[in-house]
Amino acid sequence: MTNKTLVVVAVVLSIVSFTLVASRLSGIWEANLAIDSNPFSFTELSSTFTVNYTLGGFTATSNSEFLLAGFIWQEFGVTGTLGAFTIQEDLLFGAFTAELIYDQVIVTTSVAGINFGLYWAQLSDAVLDGPADGSVLRMAGSIGDIDIGSYFELGAQVEDTDDDTFNGITIYHAATGAHKHYVTNPLIVGQGFTGEKLSVSGWGFGCVEDIATTLYITCHGFDYVKFALIGIETGIEWLNFDVDLMFQLQTKTLVLTPTINVRENTCIDVYAQVLTDPAAITSVTGIGVYGLGFTTSFGNVTVKDLTVFGTSCYAITTEEYGSVIEERADALKYGHDFYPDYWEMFSIEVTGDGCCGGSYAFLVNTYFQANSGSLFDWGMTDIAATVPINSVLFLITEVEIDTIGMNHVGLGMSASW
């Protein structure tokens, strides 16, 4: 039996032991059924069963996922604190093969104001780009207003929300398209120095609110250095700029992003971009507004409207991804679902306390499509409701209606304890 197998068996046995001596047991079961009418088919039949076991400062989690294709994934996790250390472990198995797909361990602590984190992960050969394993040592701290961060990479990379080139790892189930996302991305077999990312931020001067610098080198040498200038004042009260300037070995990339401040606590969002001269990218010719958003609330009712002016490059994302206007290239890059044909969304959401405990939610999203041939360019209405039976049992319904008729019906339930 290999050392890898011994580690996995030990962790699984630890989780099973928790189930026998746990002082607190909680969980949630969710089931969903979706039917499309054209053609008639069951497009979703899913069930997720999650159980949490708590003992002292640790919580063990078991998460089982079932789809039309059957039992696809079994996930185990452990989180907790041990003295000054915070520990997290995640295990993902293929349900039918019982084969380890992914394993991640994260240990963090803080000493004298410096945050340390050790990230380790392995990917099996059952997954694209596997097998692979590696680790990252992260250190972060502050000197006055200056924030300093370091990622020392030994065969892996860690997701960084401030750097879109480090996005963790997303594992897909090929037959269904279901996916799992983790922050530690193992890249190679064996562990040796593969990279160092150093970032400094929090300092500014003059009309620049914040300057952030990121240097990344690999075992092959220099990769890139990036300068981000945030909140550049233009002398116009309602207009600021953010600038990202990246240098690589043979290329330079300059990205200018406008920040339009209508007023503080405004309910209007302006989606805009800087227009430049193609012959001289540093020559700003104007500002193009590609979308407007409006949101307001009164009582337990929220009204939202999104309008896209440039549908060839921008689109409205689905409710799962926030119902926002996003550049199509970014949506495709990050795997966000969006509506390619609709230029406007009008939404009403009502929430409140149920009569028998729990909270209810009622959401209506109406989408409009240019040249649809229907009244007011109406294209589709999506209605979703969550109704509490009591404080732990909820019923979930969804109906989607377009110009052809009712094309999607979803039913679900959620029970927790």
Protein backbone atom coordinates (compact mmCIF):
# COMPACT_ATOMS: atom_id res chain seq x y z
CA MET A 1 0.00 0.00 0.00
CA THR A 2 1.48 3.35 -1.06
CA ASN A 3 1.95 6.30 1.27
CA LYS A 4 -0.76 8.19 -0.67
CA THR A 5 -3.26 5.41 -0.06
CA LEU A 6 -2.34 5.23 3.62
CA VAL A 7 -3.00 8.97 3.99
CA VAL A 8 -6.39 8.67 2.34
CA VAL A 9 -7.40 5.66 4.43
CA ALA A 10 -6.32 7.41 7.63
CA VAL A 11 -8.37 10.50 6.84
CA VAL A 12 -11.46 8.49 5.91
CA LEU A 13 -11.17 6.42 9.10
CA SER A 14 -10.92 9.64 11.09
CA ILE A 15 -14.11 10.94 9.52
CA VAL A 16 -15.92 7.68 10.24
CA SER A 17 -14.76 7.86 13.85
CA PHE A 18 -16.30 11.31 14.12
CA THR A 19 -19.66 9.85 13.17
CA LEU A 20 -19.53 7.51 16.16
CA VAL A 21 -18.59 10.00 18.85
CA ALA A 22 -19.92 13.29 17.52
CA SER A 23 -21.47 15.58 20.05
CA ARG A 24 -23.60 17.36 17.43
CA LEU A 25 -25.10 16.18 14.17
CA SER A 26 -26.58 18.43 11.49
CA GLY A 27 -27.21 18.24 7.80
CA ILE A 28 -29.26 19.15 4.78
CA TRP A 29 -30.89 17.20 1.96
CA GLU A 30 -31.82 18.88 -1.31
CA ALA A 31 -33.57 17.31 -4.30
CA ASN A 32 -34.50 18.92 -7.62
CA LEU A 33 -36.42 17.77 -10.69
CA ALA A 34 -36.46 19.80 -13.91
CA ILE A 35 -38.56 19.11 -17.01
CA ASP A 36 -38.26 20.73 -20.44
CA SER A 37 -41.27 20.59 -22.75
CA ASN A 38 -39.67 21.11 -26.17
CA PRO A 39 -38.78 18.34 -26.60
CA PHE A 40 -40.17 16.73 -23.46
CA SER A 41 -37.27 15.54 -21.33
CA PHE A 42 -36.01 15.35 -17.80
CA THR A 43 -33.11 17.80 -17.91
CA GLU A 44 -32.25 17.60 -14.22
CA LEU A 45 -32.76 15.04 -11.52
CA SER A 46 -30.39 15.85 -8.71
CA SER A 47 -30.01 15.14 -5.04
CA THR A 48 -27.43 16.41 -2.61
CA PHE A 49 -27.07 14.96 0.88
CA THR A 50 -24.78 16.78 3.31
CA VAL A 51 -24.08 15.71 6.88
CA ASN A 52 -21.92 17.63 9.38
CA TYR A 53 -20.44 16.10 12.51
CA THR A 54 -19.02 18.40 15.18
CA LEU A 55 -16.62 17.33 17.91
CA GLY A 56 -14.79 19.94 19.95
CA GLY A 57 -13.29 22.46 17.58
CA PHE A 58 -13.57 20.24 14.48
CA THR A 59 -16.37 19.67 12.01
CA ALA A 60 -16.36 16.73 9.60
CA THR A 61 -18.53 16.94 6.49
CA SER A 62 -19.83 14.31 4.09
CA ASN A 63 -21.37 15.50 0.82
CA SER A 64 -22.96 13.05 -1.65
CA GLU A 65 -24.20 14.19 -5.07
CA PHE A 66 -26.59 12.33 -7.36
CA LEU A 67 -27.62 13.33 -10.89
CA LEU A 68 -29.42 11.67 -13.78
CA ALA A 69 -26.19 9.85 -14.53
CA GLY A 70 -26.28 8.35 -11.02
CA PHE A 71 -24.08 8.75 -7.97
CA ILE A 72 -21.31 10.97 -9.36
CA TRP A 73 -19.30 12.35 -6.45
CA GLN A 74 -18.55 11.71 -2.80
CA GLU A 75 -16.82 14.52 -0.96
CA PHE A 76 -15.40 14.52 2.57
CA GLY A 77 -14.06 17.48 4.51
CA VAL A 78 -12.63 18.38 7.90
CA THR A 79 -12.24 21.92 9.29
CA GLY A 80 -11.27 23.13 12.73
CA THR A 81 -8.64 24.66 14.97
CA LEU A 82 -5.81 23.01 16.84
CA GLY A 83 -4.16 25.48 19.15
CA ALA A 84 -2.97 28.40 17.02
CA PHE A 85 -3.52 26.48 13.76
CA THR A 86 -6.59 26.38 11.52
CA ILE A 87 -6.84 23.17 9.52
CA GLN A 88 -8.89 22.28 6.46
CA GLU A 89 -8.93 19.04 4.47
CA ASP A 90 -10.98 18.26 1.36
CA LEU A 91 -11.28 14.86 -0.33
CA LEU A 92 -13.14 14.15 -3.57
CA PHE A 93 -13.88 10.60 -4.76
CA GLY A 94 -15.43 9.18 -7.90
CA ALA A 95 -18.54 7.48 -6.55
CA PHE A 96 -18.59 4.37 -8.78
CA THR A 97 -14.85 3.73 -8.91
CA ALA A 98 -14.15 4.77 -5.29
CA GLU A 99 -11.00 6.35 -6.72
CA LEU A 100 -9.47 9.41 -5.14
CA ILE A 101 -9.83 12.33 -7.56
CA TYR A 102 -8.54 15.27 -5.52
CA ASP A 103 -7.11 15.91 -2.07
CA GLN A 104 -6.37 19.29 -0.48
CA VAL A 105 -4.90 20.27 2.90
CA ILE A 106 -4.69 23.89 4.12
CA VAL A 107 -3.01 24.86 7.41
CA THR A 108 -2.94 28.52 8.48
CA THR A 109 -1.68 30.42 11.51
CA SER A 110 -0.64 33.92 12.55
CA VAL A 111 2.60 34.79 14.35
CA ALA A 112 3.52 38.34 15.40
CA GLY A 113 1.13 39.89 12.90
CA ILE A 114 2.32 37.74 9.98
CA ASN A 115 -0.14 35.28 8.44
CA PHE A 116 1.26 31.94 7.30
CA GLY A 117 -0.52 29.40 5.14
CA LEU A 118 0.57 26.00 3.85
CA TYR A 119 -1.46 24.68 0.91
CA TRP A 120 -0.97 21.13 -0.39
CA ALA A 121 -2.96 19.24 -3.01
CA GLN A 122 -2.82 16.20 -5.27
CA LEU A 123 -4.76 15.32 -8.42
CA SER A 124 -5.20 11.73 -9.60
CA ASP A 125 -4.58 10.44 -13.11
CA ALA A 126 -8.35 9.99 -13.51
CA VAL A 127 -8.61 13.75 -14.17
CA LEU A 128 -7.40 15.80 -17.12
CA ASP A 129 -3.90 17.20 -16.38
CA GLY A 130 -3.36 14.55 -13.69
CA PRO A 131 -1.55 13.06 -11.96
CA ALA A 132 -0.08 16.08 -10.21
CA ASP A 133 0.77 17.25 -6.72
CA GLY A 134 2.37 20.25 -5.10
CA SER A 135 2.31 22.81 -2.31
CA VAL A 136 2.47 26.55 -1.71
CA LEU A 137 3.75 28.48 1.29
CA ARG A 138 1.95 31.81 1.71
CA MET A 139 3.13 34.67 3.94
CA ALA A 140 1.33 37.98 4.31
CA GLY A 141 1.68 40.96 6.61
CA SER A 142 1.60 44.74 6.87
CA ILE A 143 4.08 47.49 7.57
CA GLY A 144 2.03 50.54 8.37
CA ASP A 145 -0.35 50.97 5.43
CA ILE A 146 1.73 48.75 3.15
CA ASP A 147 0.50 45.17 2.59
CA ILE A 148 3.06 42.56 1.52
CA GLY A 149 2.24 39.06 0.31
CA SER A 150 4.39 36.16 -0.85
CA TYR A 151 3.43 32.85 -2.48
CA PHE A 152 6.36 30.39 -2.60
CA GLU A 153 5.28 27.67 -5.04
CA LEU A 154 6.46 24.07 -4.89
CA GLY A 155 4.56 22.50 -7.76
CA ALA A 156 1.20 24.23 -7.15
CA GLN A 157 -0.63 27.56 -7.36
CA VAL A 158 -3.21 29.11 -5.02
CA GLU A 159 -6.26 31.10 -6.08
CA ASP A 160 -5.77 34.84 -5.64
CA THR A 161 -8.81 37.10 -5.92
CA ASP A 162 -6.53 40.05 -6.72
CA ASP A 163 -4.86 38.27 -9.65
CA ASP A 164 -7.08 36.69 -12.30
CA THR A 165 -4.20 34.57 -13.61
CA PHE A 166 -4.37 32.41 -10.45
CA ASN A 167 -7.83 30.86 -10.39
CA GLY A 168 -7.40 27.63 -8.43
CA ILE A 169 -8.67 24.45 -10.05
CA THR A 170 -12.10 23.43 -11.36
CA ILE A 171 -12.77 19.70 -11.77
CA TYR A 172 -15.49 18.71 -14.24
CA HIS A 173 -17.61 15.57 -14.43
CA ALA A 174 -17.38 14.81 -18.15
CA ALA A 175 -20.75 13.08 -18.54
CA THR A 176 -22.85 15.76 -16.83
CA GLY A 177 -20.84 18.99 -16.85
CA ALA A 178 -21.07 19.23 -13.05
CA HIS A 179 -18.02 20.80 -11.46
CA LYS A 180 -16.16 21.33 -8.19
CA HIS A 181 -13.84 24.25 -7.47
CA TYR A 182 -10.87 24.30 -5.06
CA VAL A 183 -8.30 26.99 -4.30
CA THR A 184 -5.13 24.85 -4.58
CA ASN A 185 -4.11 23.82 -8.09
CA PRO A 186 -1.40 21.11 -8.27
CA LEU A 187 0.59 21.37 -11.50
CA ILE A 188 3.34 18.72 -11.67
CA VAL A 189 4.39 15.38 -10.21
CA GLY A 190 6.92 15.77 -7.44
CA GLN A 191 7.73 18.90 -5.47
CA GLY A 192 10.45 21.40 -6.26
CA PHE A 193 10.60 25.16 -6.68
CA THR A 194 8.28 26.22 -9.51
CA GLY A 195 7.46 29.85 -8.79
CA GLU A 196 7.43 32.87 -6.48
CA LYS A 197 4.80 35.60 -6.51
CA LEU A 198 5.51 38.75 -4.50
CA SER A 199 2.94 41.54 -4.17
CA VAL A 200 3.11 44.95 -2.50
CA SER A 201 0.07 47.22 -2.20
CA GLY A 202 -1.47 49.95 -0.07
CA TRP A 203 0.72 52.90 -0.95
CA GLY A 204 -0.17 55.86 -3.13
CA PHE A 205 0.87 59.38 -4.01
CA GLY A 206 -0.69 62.49 -5.42
CA CYS A 207 -3.86 61.72 -7.33
CA VAL A 208 -3.45 57.91 -7.10
CA GLU A 209 -5.41 56.28 -4.30
CA ASP A 210 -3.56 52.94 -4.26
CA ILE A 211 -0.63 51.34 -6.10
CA ALA A 212 -0.17 47.58 -6.19
CA THR A 213 2.85 45.79 -7.66
CA THR A 214 3.06 42.06 -8.41
CA LEU A 215 6.24 40.25 -9.47
CA TYR A 216 6.08 36.64 -10.63
CA ILE A 217 9.09 34.47 -11.40
CA THR A 218 9.20 30.75 -12.15
CA CYS A 219 11.90 28.12 -12.13
CA HIS A 220 12.59 29.19 -15.73
CA GLY A 221 13.13 32.83 -14.77
CA PHE A 222 11.18 36.09 -15.02
CA ASP A 223 7.50 35.70 -16.02
CA TYR A 224 5.87 39.11 -15.48
CA VAL A 225 5.66 42.23 -13.37
CA LYS A 226 2.33 44.06 -13.06
CA PHE A 227 1.55 47.54 -11.78
CA ALA A 228 -2.02 48.39 -10.79
CA LEU A 229 -2.88 52.05 -10.21
CA ILE A 230 -6.26 52.25 -8.50
CA GLY A 231 -8.46 55.30 -8.16
CA ILE A 232 -6.61 57.80 -10.38
CA GLU A 233 -8.27 61.16 -9.99
CA THR A 234 -8.97 63.00 -13.24
CA GLY A 235 -10.09 66.35 -11.87
CA ILE A 236 -13.66 65.41 -12.80
CA GLU A 237 -15.62 64.67 -9.65
CA TRP A 238 -17.60 61.76 -11.11
CA LEU A 239 -14.77 60.05 -13.04
CA ASN A 240 -11.76 58.04 -11.87
CA PHE A 241 -9.52 55.52 -13.64
CA ASP A 242 -7.87 52.22 -12.76
CA VAL A 243 -4.81 51.21 -14.79
CA ASP A 244 -3.20 47.76 -15.08
CA LEU A 245 0.22 47.72 -16.73
CA MET A 246 1.88 44.32 -17.23
CA PHE A 247 5.37 43.64 -18.59
CA GLN A 248 6.37 40.20 -19.84
CA LEU A 249 9.51 39.13 -21.64
CA GLN A 250 8.43 40.35 -25.05
CA THR A 251 5.05 41.99 -24.52
CA LYS A 252 3.45 44.88 -22.67
CA THR A 253 -0.25 45.01 -21.80
CA LEU A 254 -2.11 48.17 -20.79
CA VAL A 255 -5.70 48.05 -19.52
CA LEU A 256 -7.61 51.20 -18.51
CA THR A 257 -10.85 50.87 -16.59
CA PRO A 258 -13.07 53.86 -15.81
CA THR A 259 -14.84 54.22 -12.47
CA ILE A 260 -17.85 56.48 -12.77
CA ASN A 261 -19.13 57.78 -9.46
CA VAL A 262 -22.70 58.97 -9.92
CA ARG A 263 -23.10 59.65 -6.23
CA GLU A 264 -22.63 57.84 -2.95
CA ASN A 265 -25.23 55.15 -2.15
CA THR A 266 -26.68 55.49 -5.63
CA CYS A 267 -29.14 52.95 -6.99
CA ILE A 268 -27.82 53.38 -10.55
CA ASP A 269 -24.86 51.38 -11.89
CA VAL A 270 -23.14 52.61 -15.03
CA TYR A 271 -21.25 49.97 -17.04
CA ALA A 272 -18.62 51.75 -19.12
CA GLN A 273 -15.31 51.30 -20.87
CA VAL A 274 -12.53 53.56 -22.08
CA LEU A 275 -12.41 54.16 -25.83
CA THR A 276 -8.91 54.40 -27.31
CA ASP A 277 -7.35 55.09 -30.66
CA PRO A 278 -6.40 51.69 -32.22
CA ALA A 279 -3.27 53.28 -33.63
CA ALA A 280 -2.17 54.53 -30.19
CA ILE A 281 -3.64 52.63 -27.28
CA THR A 282 -2.51 55.28 -24.82
CA SER A 283 -4.66 57.88 -26.62
CA VAL A 284 -8.07 58.06 -24.91
CA THR A 285 -10.82 59.17 -27.30
CA GLY A 286 -13.84 58.88 -25.03
CA ILE A 287 -15.93 56.74 -22.72
CA GLY A 288 -18.43 54.20 -24.03
CA VAL A 289 -21.40 53.25 -21.87
CA TYR A 290 -22.40 49.64 -22.65
CA GLY A 291 -24.97 49.11 -19.94
CA LEU A 292 -27.07 50.59 -17.15
CA GLY A 293 -28.34 48.99 -13.97
CA PHE A 294 -31.00 50.18 -11.56
CA THR A 295 -31.75 48.68 -8.14
CA THR A 296 -34.02 49.91 -5.38
CA SER A 297 -35.81 48.39 -2.39
CA PHE A 298 -38.84 49.33 -0.40
CA GLY A 299 -39.89 47.15 2.50
CA ASN A 300 -39.35 43.51 1.56
CA VAL A 301 -39.55 44.20 -2.20
CA THR A 302 -36.49 44.69 -4.44
CA VAL A 303 -36.78 45.96 -8.01
CA LYS A 304 -33.89 45.60 -10.44
CA ASP A 305 -33.42 46.52 -14.08
CA LEU A 306 -30.45 45.85 -16.37
CA THR A 307 -30.04 47.23 -19.88
CA VAL A 308 -27.28 46.14 -22.28
CA PHE A 309 -26.42 48.46 -25.16
CA GLY A 310 -23.67 46.37 -26.78
CA THR A 311 -25.05 42.81 -26.89
CA SER A 312 -22.33 41.62 -29.26
CA CYS A 313 -19.68 42.01 -26.53
CA TYR A 314 -21.72 42.07 -23.30
CA ALA A 315 -24.53 39.98 -21.83
CA ILE A 316 -26.65 39.45 -18.71
CA THR A 317 -25.51 36.53 -16.59
CA THR A 318 -27.95 33.98 -15.20
CA GLU A 319 -29.33 34.22 -11.68
CA GLU A 320 -26.78 31.66 -10.51
CA TYR A 321 -24.01 34.10 -11.44
CA GLY A 322 -25.57 37.21 -9.99
CA SER A 323 -27.69 38.63 -12.83
CA VAL A 324 -25.10 41.26 -13.75
CA ILE A 325 -23.80 42.71 -17.00
CA GLU A 326 -20.52 41.05 -17.90
CA GLU A 327 -18.22 41.03 -20.88
CA ARG A 328 -18.79 37.86 -22.86
CA ALA A 329 -15.08 37.09 -23.01
CA ASP A 330 -14.85 37.21 -19.20
CA ALA A 331 -18.00 35.08 -18.79
CA LEU A 332 -16.55 32.42 -21.07
CA LYS A 333 -13.16 32.63 -19.34
CA TYR A 334 -14.59 32.08 -15.86
CA GLY A 335 -17.37 29.67 -16.87
CA HIS A 336 -20.29 32.01 -16.10
CA ASP A 337 -23.58 31.20 -17.82
CA PHE A 338 -25.26 34.11 -19.59
CA TYR A 339 -28.16 34.93 -21.89
CA PRO A 340 -26.76 35.75 -25.36
CA ASP A 341 -30.01 37.04 -26.90
CA TYR A 342 -31.52 39.34 -24.26
CA TRP A 343 -30.73 43.04 -23.97
CA GLU A 344 -32.81 43.89 -20.88
CA MET A 345 -33.90 42.24 -17.63
CA PHE A 346 -36.58 43.50 -15.25
CA SER A 347 -36.72 41.75 -11.89
CA ILE A 348 -38.96 41.83 -8.80
CA GLU A 349 -38.03 39.91 -5.66
CA VAL A 350 -40.18 39.62 -2.53
CA THR A 351 -38.89 38.07 0.69
CA GLY A 352 -40.31 37.69 4.18
CA ASP A 353 -40.95 35.46 7.16
CA GLY A 354 -43.16 32.42 6.63
CA CYS A 355 -46.21 31.72 8.74
CA CYS A 356 -44.77 28.45 10.06
CA GLY A 357 -41.14 29.42 10.50
CA GLY A 358 -38.41 29.95 7.95
CA SER A 359 -38.36 32.60 5.22
CA TYR A 360 -40.04 32.71 1.83
CA ALA A 361 -38.73 34.19 -1.42
CA PHE A 362 -40.53 34.99 -4.65
CA LEU A 363 -38.53 36.09 -7.71
CA VAL A 364 -39.70 37.08 -11.19
CA ASN A 365 -37.11 37.84 -13.89
CA THR A 366 -38.43 39.07 -17.23
CA TYR A 367 -36.09 39.30 -20.22
CA PHE A 368 -36.50 41.30 -23.42
CA GLN A 369 -35.10 40.40 -26.80
CA ALA A 370 -34.52 42.78 -29.69
CA ASN A 371 -36.50 42.03 -32.85
CA SER A 372 -38.46 39.29 -31.09
CA GLY A 373 -41.77 40.14 -32.78
CA SER A 374 -43.64 40.05 -29.47
CA LEU A 375 -45.21 42.90 -27.51
CA PHE A 376 -42.52 45.15 -25.92
CA ASP A 377 -39.86 42.72 -27.25
CA TRP A 378 -40.73 40.29 -24.46
CA GLY A 379 -38.55 37.16 -24.68
CA MET A 380 -38.78 35.12 -21.50
CA THR A 381 -40.05 35.17 -17.91
CA ASP A 382 -38.45 33.06 -15.20
CA ILE A 383 -40.42 32.61 -11.96
CA ALA A 384 -38.88 31.02 -8.85
CA ALA A 385 -40.36 30.60 -5.38
CA THR A 386 -39.14 29.16 -2.09
CA VAL A 387 -41.95 28.34 0.33
CA PRO A 388 -41.32 27.19 3.92
CA ILE A 389 -43.44 24.33 5.25
CA ASN A 390 -41.83 24.87 8.64
CA SER A 391 -38.49 26.14 9.89
CA VAL A 392 -36.52 23.20 8.40
CA LEU A 393 -38.52 22.07 5.36
CA PHE A 394 -38.78 24.14 2.16
CA LEU A 395 -40.44 23.62 -1.21
CA ILE A 396 -38.80 25.14 -4.29
CA THR A 397 -40.48 25.74 -7.65
CA GLU A 398 -39.32 27.30 -10.90
CA VAL A 399 -41.22 27.98 -14.12
CA GLU A 400 -39.71 29.34 -17.32
CA ILE A 401 -41.97 30.73 -20.06
CA ASP A 402 -40.83 32.06 -23.43
CA THR A 403 -42.49 32.97 -26.74
CA ILE A 404 -43.13 29.29 -27.51
CA GLY A 405 -44.81 28.61 -24.16
CA MET A 406 -43.86 26.95 -20.91
CA ASN A 407 -40.56 25.27 -21.69
CA HIS A 408 -39.13 24.53 -18.27
CA VAL A 409 -40.58 23.45 -14.93
CA GLY A 410 -38.52 22.76 -11.83
CA LEU A 411 -39.59 21.25 -8.52
CA GLY A 412 -37.46 20.79 -5.47
CA MET A 413 -37.32 20.47 -1.74
CA SER A 414 -34.83 21.14 0.99
CA ALA A 415 -34.79 19.65 4.48
CA SER A 416 -32.31 20.51 7.23
CA TRP A 417 -31.79 19.44 10.82
